[in-house]
């Protein structure tokens, strides 16, 4: 193990311990957070998207570049978790963590792939948490 790797490993473990207090306004923190996300959380997300047939059934290709942390009623929801309808009665809160600087516009779309019809580009079922229900 090289000295640089030891220092980097200490920084990564420090960031994991204090993930809520680390500000990503410095390039070194963004770099280390991005590296940690790509090593652990991103592969799990891609695995769940493939296992649950989101890719390629709903979207032909998906390349996540930001970390999205979803919470229902204050509890973290891991990718691929199937939730009871009682847990999802309240709209979720989420945090989008970009690893680049500058303004970024993000769209968060929750799709029930059992009722989604991508050819018609509309929803054939119920739309939960819609600000303007039809």
N, C-alpha and C. Protein backbone atom coordinates (compact mmCIF):
# COMPACT_ATOMS: atom_id res chain seq x y z
N UNK A 1 0.84 -1.17 0.00
CA UNK A 1 0.00 0.00 0.00
C UNK A 1 0.89 1.24 0.00
N UNK A 2 0.63 2.17 -0.86
CA UNK A 2 1.40 3.39 -1.00
C UNK A 2 0.90 4.42 0.00
N UNK A 3 1.75 5.36 0.38
CA UNK A 3 1.39 6.37 1.37
C UNK A 3 0.18 7.18 0.90
N UNK A 4 0.13 7.52 -0.38
CA UNK A 4 -1.00 8.26 -0.92
C UNK A 4 -2.31 7.51 -0.77
N UNK A 5 -2.27 6.19 -0.94
CA UNK A 5 -3.47 5.38 -0.78
C UNK A 5 -3.93 5.36 0.67
N UNK A 6 -2.98 5.34 1.62
CA UNK A 6 -3.33 5.36 3.04
C UNK A 6 -4.01 6.67 3.39
N UNK A 7 -3.44 7.78 2.92
CA UNK A 7 -4.03 9.09 3.19
C UNK A 7 -5.41 9.18 2.56
N UNK A 8 -5.54 8.71 1.32
CA UNK A 8 -6.83 8.74 0.64
C UNK A 8 -7.85 7.87 1.37
N UNK A 9 -7.45 6.70 1.85
CA UNK A 9 -8.36 5.82 2.58
C UNK A 9 -8.82 6.47 3.88
N UNK A 10 -7.91 7.18 4.55
CA UNK A 10 -8.31 7.88 5.77
C UNK A 10 -9.32 8.98 5.46
N UNK A 11 -9.10 9.71 4.36
CA UNK A 11 -10.05 10.76 3.99
C UNK A 11 -11.40 10.16 3.65
N UNK A 12 -11.42 9.04 2.94
CA UNK A 12 -12.69 8.41 2.57
C UNK A 12 -13.43 7.93 3.81
N UNK A 13 -12.72 7.33 4.77
CA UNK A 13 -13.39 6.88 5.97
C UNK A 13 -13.87 8.06 6.80
N UNK A 14 -13.12 9.16 6.79
CA UNK A 14 -13.56 10.36 7.48
C UNK A 14 -14.82 10.92 6.84
N UNK A 15 -14.89 10.88 5.51
CA UNK A 15 -16.07 11.38 4.81
C UNK A 15 -17.28 10.50 5.08
N UNK A 16 -17.08 9.21 5.20
CA UNK A 16 -18.20 8.31 5.49
C UNK A 16 -18.72 8.57 6.90
N UNK A 17 -17.83 8.79 7.84
CA UNK A 17 -18.24 9.04 9.21
C UNK A 17 -18.97 10.37 9.34
N UNK A 18 -18.57 11.37 8.58
CA UNK A 18 -19.15 12.70 8.70
C UNK A 18 -19.78 13.13 7.38
N UNK A 19 -20.56 12.24 6.77
CA UNK A 19 -21.09 12.51 5.44
C UNK A 19 -22.01 13.72 5.42
N UNK A 20 -22.68 13.99 6.49
CA UNK A 20 -23.61 15.13 6.50
C UNK A 20 -22.90 16.44 6.74
N UNK A 21 -21.66 16.41 7.26
CA UNK A 21 -20.97 17.66 7.56
C UNK A 21 -19.95 18.04 6.50
N UNK A 22 -19.60 17.15 5.60
CA UNK A 22 -18.61 17.47 4.57
C UNK A 22 -19.28 18.29 3.48
N UNK A 23 -18.73 19.44 3.20
CA UNK A 23 -19.24 20.29 2.13
C UNK A 23 -18.49 19.96 0.86
N UNK A 24 -19.21 19.85 -0.22
CA UNK A 24 -18.59 19.47 -1.49
C UNK A 24 -18.20 20.69 -2.32
N UNK A 25 -17.87 21.80 -1.66
CA UNK A 25 -17.50 22.99 -2.40
C UNK A 25 -16.03 22.99 -2.79
N UNK A 26 -15.23 22.08 -2.25
CA UNK A 26 -13.83 21.98 -2.62
C UNK A 26 -13.64 20.80 -3.56
N UNK A 27 -12.81 20.97 -4.60
CA UNK A 27 -12.64 19.90 -5.59
C UNK A 27 -12.17 18.58 -5.00
N UNK A 28 -11.30 18.61 -3.99
CA UNK A 28 -10.80 17.36 -3.43
C UNK A 28 -11.92 16.58 -2.75
N UNK A 29 -12.83 17.27 -2.06
CA UNK A 29 -13.95 16.59 -1.42
C UNK A 29 -14.92 16.02 -2.44
N UNK A 30 -15.17 16.78 -3.51
CA UNK A 30 -16.05 16.28 -4.58
C UNK A 30 -15.43 15.05 -5.24
N UNK A 31 -14.12 15.10 -5.48
CA UNK A 31 -13.44 13.98 -6.11
C UNK A 31 -13.53 12.73 -5.24
N UNK A 32 -13.26 12.87 -3.94
CA UNK A 32 -13.29 11.71 -3.05
C UNK A 32 -14.71 11.17 -2.86
N UNK A 33 -15.69 12.07 -2.76
CA UNK A 33 -17.08 11.63 -2.63
C UNK A 33 -17.54 10.91 -3.89
N UNK A 34 -17.16 11.43 -5.06
CA UNK A 34 -17.51 10.80 -6.34
C UNK A 34 -16.86 9.42 -6.44
N UNK A 35 -15.60 9.33 -6.04
CA UNK A 35 -14.90 8.05 -6.10
C UNK A 35 -15.56 7.03 -5.17
N UNK A 36 -15.91 7.43 -3.97
CA UNK A 36 -16.56 6.52 -3.03
C UNK A 36 -17.92 6.09 -3.56
N UNK A 37 -18.69 7.03 -4.14
CA UNK A 37 -20.01 6.71 -4.69
C UNK A 37 -19.87 5.73 -5.85
N UNK A 38 -18.90 5.94 -6.74
CA UNK A 38 -18.70 5.05 -7.89
C UNK A 38 -18.21 3.67 -7.49
N UNK A 39 -17.54 3.56 -6.36
CA UNK A 39 -17.06 2.26 -5.90
C UNK A 39 -18.13 1.45 -5.19
N UNK A 40 -19.08 2.12 -4.53
CA UNK A 40 -20.03 1.36 -3.71
C UNK A 40 -21.49 1.58 -4.10
N UNK A 41 -21.99 2.79 -3.98
CA UNK A 41 -23.43 3.03 -4.18
C UNK A 41 -23.86 2.93 -5.64
N UNK A 42 -23.05 3.43 -6.56
CA UNK A 42 -23.43 3.39 -7.98
C UNK A 42 -23.53 1.96 -8.52
N UNK A 43 -22.56 1.06 -8.25
CA UNK A 43 -22.72 -0.32 -8.72
C UNK A 43 -23.96 -1.01 -8.17
N UNK A 44 -24.31 -0.72 -6.92
CA UNK A 44 -25.52 -1.31 -6.35
C UNK A 44 -26.75 -0.77 -7.07
N UNK A 45 -26.76 0.53 -7.34
CA UNK A 45 -27.88 1.13 -8.07
C UNK A 45 -28.03 0.51 -9.46
N UNK A 46 -26.94 0.38 -10.18
CA UNK A 46 -27.00 -0.21 -11.53
C UNK A 46 -27.43 -1.66 -11.46
N UNK A 47 -26.96 -2.39 -10.46
CA UNK A 47 -27.37 -3.78 -10.29
C UNK A 47 -28.87 -3.88 -10.05
N UNK A 48 -29.41 -3.02 -9.18
CA UNK A 48 -30.86 -3.05 -8.90
C UNK A 48 -31.68 -2.64 -10.12
N UNK A 49 -31.20 -1.65 -10.86
CA UNK A 49 -31.92 -1.24 -12.08
C UNK A 49 -31.98 -2.36 -13.09
N UNK A 50 -30.93 -3.15 -13.18
CA UNK A 50 -30.90 -4.28 -14.11
C UNK A 50 -31.74 -5.44 -13.58
N UNK A 51 -31.61 -5.76 -12.29
CA UNK A 51 -32.36 -6.86 -11.69
C UNK A 51 -33.86 -6.64 -11.77
N UNK A 52 -34.28 -5.40 -11.59
CA UNK A 52 -35.70 -5.09 -11.57
C UNK A 52 -36.21 -4.72 -12.96
N UNK A 53 -35.39 -4.93 -13.97
CA UNK A 53 -35.74 -4.74 -15.38
C UNK A 53 -36.18 -3.32 -15.71
N UNK A 54 -35.63 -2.34 -14.99
CA UNK A 54 -35.87 -0.95 -15.38
C UNK A 54 -35.10 -0.67 -16.66
N UNK A 55 -33.87 -1.17 -16.70
CA UNK A 55 -33.05 -1.12 -17.90
C UNK A 55 -33.04 -2.52 -18.47
N UNK A 56 -33.44 -2.81 -19.64
CA UNK A 56 -33.86 -1.95 -20.74
C UNK A 56 -35.37 -1.87 -20.94
N UNK A 57 -36.20 -2.39 -20.02
CA UNK A 57 -37.64 -2.42 -20.24
C UNK A 57 -38.27 -1.03 -20.27
N UNK A 58 -37.91 -0.17 -19.32
CA UNK A 58 -38.48 1.17 -19.25
C UNK A 58 -37.61 2.18 -19.98
N UNK A 59 -36.31 2.13 -19.74
CA UNK A 59 -35.34 3.00 -20.40
C UNK A 59 -34.31 2.13 -21.11
N UNK A 60 -33.95 2.45 -22.34
CA UNK A 60 -32.97 1.61 -23.02
C UNK A 60 -31.58 1.71 -22.39
N UNK A 61 -31.19 2.90 -21.93
CA UNK A 61 -29.88 3.11 -21.33
C UNK A 61 -30.03 4.10 -20.18
N UNK A 62 -29.31 3.86 -19.10
CA UNK A 62 -29.31 4.79 -17.98
C UNK A 62 -27.91 4.83 -17.40
N UNK A 63 -27.33 6.03 -17.36
CA UNK A 63 -25.98 6.22 -16.82
C UNK A 63 -26.06 7.23 -15.68
N UNK A 64 -26.23 6.77 -14.43
CA UNK A 64 -26.34 7.70 -13.30
C UNK A 64 -25.05 8.49 -13.11
N UNK A 65 -25.18 9.81 -12.92
CA UNK A 65 -24.01 10.67 -12.69
C UNK A 65 -24.14 11.46 -11.39
N UNK A 66 -25.27 11.37 -10.70
CA UNK A 66 -25.46 12.03 -9.41
C UNK A 66 -25.96 10.99 -8.41
N UNK A 67 -25.70 11.26 -7.16
CA UNK A 67 -26.19 10.38 -6.09
C UNK A 67 -27.53 10.93 -5.63
N UNK A 68 -28.56 10.10 -5.66
CA UNK A 68 -29.89 10.49 -5.21
C UNK A 68 -30.22 9.66 -3.98
N UNK A 69 -30.47 10.34 -2.87
CA UNK A 69 -30.82 9.66 -1.63
C UNK A 69 -32.29 9.93 -1.34
N UNK A 70 -33.08 8.88 -1.31
CA UNK A 70 -34.53 8.96 -1.16
C UNK A 70 -34.92 8.57 0.27
N UNK A 71 -35.89 9.32 0.82
CA UNK A 71 -36.37 9.02 2.18
C UNK A 71 -37.89 9.11 2.20
N UNK A 72 -38.50 8.13 2.85
CA UNK A 72 -39.93 8.15 3.13
C UNK A 72 -40.10 8.19 4.64
N UNK A 73 -40.82 9.17 5.12
CA UNK A 73 -41.08 9.34 6.56
C UNK A 73 -39.81 9.32 7.38
N UNK A 74 -38.74 9.88 6.84
CA UNK A 74 -37.48 9.97 7.58
C UNK A 74 -36.59 8.75 7.51
N UNK A 75 -37.01 7.71 6.81
CA UNK A 75 -36.20 6.49 6.69
C UNK A 75 -35.57 6.41 5.31
N UNK A 76 -34.27 6.11 5.28
CA UNK A 76 -33.57 5.97 4.01
C UNK A 76 -34.11 4.77 3.24
N UNK A 77 -34.25 4.94 1.93
CA UNK A 77 -34.71 3.86 1.06
C UNK A 77 -33.55 3.47 0.14
N UNK A 78 -33.14 2.23 0.23
CA UNK A 78 -32.06 1.75 -0.61
C UNK A 78 -32.61 1.38 -1.99
N UNK A 79 -31.78 1.45 -3.03
CA UNK A 79 -32.25 1.08 -4.37
C UNK A 79 -32.78 -0.35 -4.40
N UNK A 80 -33.92 -0.53 -5.03
CA UNK A 80 -34.52 -1.85 -5.18
C UNK A 80 -35.43 -2.26 -4.05
N UNK A 81 -35.58 -1.43 -3.04
CA UNK A 81 -36.44 -1.77 -1.91
C UNK A 81 -37.90 -1.65 -2.32
N UNK A 82 -38.67 -2.68 -2.03
CA UNK A 82 -40.11 -2.64 -2.31
C UNK A 82 -40.80 -2.15 -1.05
N UNK A 83 -41.56 -1.07 -1.20
CA UNK A 83 -42.19 -0.42 -0.05
C UNK A 83 -43.67 -0.72 -0.01
N UNK A 84 -44.20 -0.79 1.19
CA UNK A 84 -45.63 -0.95 1.41
C UNK A 84 -46.33 0.37 1.10
N UNK A 85 -47.57 0.30 0.70
CA UNK A 85 -48.30 1.52 0.34
C UNK A 85 -48.50 2.43 1.55
N UNK A 86 -48.51 1.88 2.76
CA UNK A 86 -48.61 2.73 3.95
C UNK A 86 -47.38 3.61 4.13
N UNK A 87 -46.22 3.11 3.71
CA UNK A 87 -45.00 3.89 3.82
C UNK A 87 -44.95 5.01 2.79
N UNK A 88 -45.61 4.83 1.68
CA UNK A 88 -45.52 5.80 0.59
C UNK A 88 -46.72 6.73 0.51
N UNK A 89 -47.54 6.79 1.55
CA UNK A 89 -48.68 7.70 1.53
C UNK A 89 -48.23 9.15 1.58
N UNK A 90 -47.12 9.41 2.23
CA UNK A 90 -46.58 10.75 2.33
C UNK A 90 -45.54 10.94 1.23
N UNK A 91 -45.52 12.10 0.57
CA UNK A 91 -44.51 12.31 -0.48
C UNK A 91 -43.09 12.16 0.07
N UNK A 92 -42.19 11.64 -0.75
CA UNK A 92 -40.82 11.41 -0.27
C UNK A 92 -40.02 12.72 -0.25
N UNK A 93 -38.94 12.68 0.48
CA UNK A 93 -37.93 13.73 0.40
C UNK A 93 -36.69 13.09 -0.20
N UNK A 94 -35.96 13.87 -0.96
CA UNK A 94 -34.76 13.31 -1.55
C UNK A 94 -33.69 14.38 -1.64
N UNK A 95 -32.45 13.89 -1.68
CA UNK A 95 -31.30 14.76 -1.79
C UNK A 95 -30.53 14.34 -3.04
N UNK A 96 -30.25 15.29 -3.91
CA UNK A 96 -29.47 15.04 -5.10
C UNK A 96 -28.07 15.59 -4.85
N UNK A 97 -27.07 14.74 -4.94
CA UNK A 97 -25.69 15.14 -4.69
C UNK A 97 -24.92 15.10 -6.00
N UNK A 98 -24.70 16.27 -6.63
CA UNK A 98 -23.90 16.31 -7.86
C UNK A 98 -22.42 16.34 -7.51
N UNK A 99 -21.61 15.80 -8.40
CA UNK A 99 -20.17 15.78 -8.18
C UNK A 99 -19.45 16.74 -9.11
N UNK A 100 -20.19 17.65 -9.71
CA UNK A 100 -19.62 18.67 -10.58
C UNK A 100 -20.06 20.03 -10.07
N UNK A 101 -19.37 21.07 -10.51
CA UNK A 101 -19.74 22.43 -10.12
C UNK A 101 -20.70 23.00 -11.14
N UNK A 102 -21.32 24.09 -10.78
CA UNK A 102 -22.24 24.75 -11.70
C UNK A 102 -23.67 24.29 -11.49
N UNK A 103 -24.54 24.94 -12.22
CA UNK A 103 -25.96 24.63 -12.12
C UNK A 103 -26.28 23.36 -12.90
N UNK A 104 -27.13 22.53 -12.31
CA UNK A 104 -27.54 21.29 -12.96
C UNK A 104 -29.04 21.12 -12.76
N UNK A 105 -29.75 20.89 -13.83
CA UNK A 105 -31.18 20.64 -13.75
C UNK A 105 -31.40 19.14 -13.73
N UNK A 106 -32.18 18.67 -12.78
CA UNK A 106 -32.44 17.24 -12.63
C UNK A 106 -33.94 16.99 -12.67
N UNK A 107 -34.31 15.87 -13.24
CA UNK A 107 -35.70 15.43 -13.25
C UNK A 107 -35.78 14.11 -12.50
N UNK A 108 -36.67 14.06 -11.55
CA UNK A 108 -36.88 12.82 -10.80
C UNK A 108 -38.24 12.29 -11.21
N UNK A 109 -38.26 11.09 -11.74
CA UNK A 109 -39.47 10.47 -12.24
C UNK A 109 -39.63 9.12 -11.56
N UNK A 110 -40.76 8.91 -10.93
CA UNK A 110 -41.06 7.63 -10.29
C UNK A 110 -42.08 6.93 -11.17
N UNK A 111 -41.72 5.75 -11.65
CA UNK A 111 -42.54 5.03 -12.61
C UNK A 111 -42.86 3.64 -12.08
N UNK A 112 -44.13 3.28 -12.14
CA UNK A 112 -44.53 1.90 -11.89
C UNK A 112 -44.48 1.20 -13.24
N UNK A 113 -43.46 0.42 -13.48
CA UNK A 113 -43.26 -0.16 -14.81
C UNK A 113 -44.34 -1.18 -15.18
N UNK A 114 -45.18 -1.56 -14.23
CA UNK A 114 -46.28 -2.45 -14.55
C UNK A 114 -47.40 -1.76 -15.30
N UNK A 115 -47.52 -0.43 -15.16
CA UNK A 115 -48.59 0.31 -15.84
C UNK A 115 -48.06 1.34 -16.81
N UNK A 116 -46.77 1.52 -16.91
CA UNK A 116 -46.18 2.53 -17.79
C UNK A 116 -46.21 2.06 -19.23
N UNK A 117 -46.67 2.92 -20.13
CA UNK A 117 -46.69 2.61 -21.55
C UNK A 117 -45.79 3.61 -22.27
N UNK A 118 -44.51 3.26 -22.50
CA UNK A 118 -43.58 4.23 -23.08
C UNK A 118 -43.90 4.60 -24.52
N UNK A 119 -44.62 3.75 -25.26
CA UNK A 119 -44.94 4.08 -26.65
C UNK A 119 -45.93 5.23 -26.74
N UNK A 120 -46.82 5.32 -25.79
CA UNK A 120 -47.80 6.40 -25.80
C UNK A 120 -47.34 7.62 -25.01
N UNK A 121 -46.21 7.50 -24.29
CA UNK A 121 -45.66 8.57 -23.47
C UNK A 121 -46.69 9.14 -22.51
N UNK A 122 -47.42 8.25 -21.90
CA UNK A 122 -48.36 8.67 -20.86
C UNK A 122 -48.51 7.54 -19.87
N UNK A 123 -49.14 7.83 -18.75
CA UNK A 123 -49.31 6.84 -17.69
C UNK A 123 -50.70 6.24 -17.81
N UNK A 124 -50.78 4.91 -17.87
CA UNK A 124 -52.07 4.23 -17.97
C UNK A 124 -52.67 3.95 -16.60
N UNK A 125 -51.90 4.18 -15.53
CA UNK A 125 -52.39 3.86 -14.18
C UNK A 125 -52.48 5.10 -13.33
N UNK A 126 -52.36 4.90 -12.05
CA UNK A 126 -52.45 6.00 -11.10
C UNK A 126 -51.14 6.75 -11.03
N UNK A 127 -51.23 8.03 -10.82
CA UNK A 127 -50.05 8.87 -10.66
C UNK A 127 -50.01 9.36 -9.22
N UNK A 128 -49.07 8.83 -8.43
CA UNK A 128 -48.97 9.19 -7.02
C UNK A 128 -48.19 10.49 -6.88
N UNK A 129 -48.54 11.29 -5.90
CA UNK A 129 -47.86 12.52 -5.53
C UNK A 129 -47.81 13.53 -6.66
N UNK A 130 -48.83 13.56 -7.46
CA UNK A 130 -48.91 14.52 -8.55
C UNK A 130 -49.39 15.87 -8.01
N UNK A 131 -48.68 16.97 -8.34
CA UNK A 131 -49.14 18.25 -7.84
C UNK A 131 -50.47 18.69 -8.45
N UNK A 132 -50.77 18.25 -9.66
CA UNK A 132 -52.02 18.59 -10.33
C UNK A 132 -52.72 17.30 -10.76
N UNK A 133 -53.43 16.64 -9.85
CA UNK A 133 -54.08 15.38 -10.22
C UNK A 133 -55.15 15.61 -11.28
N UNK A 134 -55.26 14.66 -12.18
CA UNK A 134 -56.27 14.77 -13.25
C UNK A 134 -57.42 13.85 -13.00
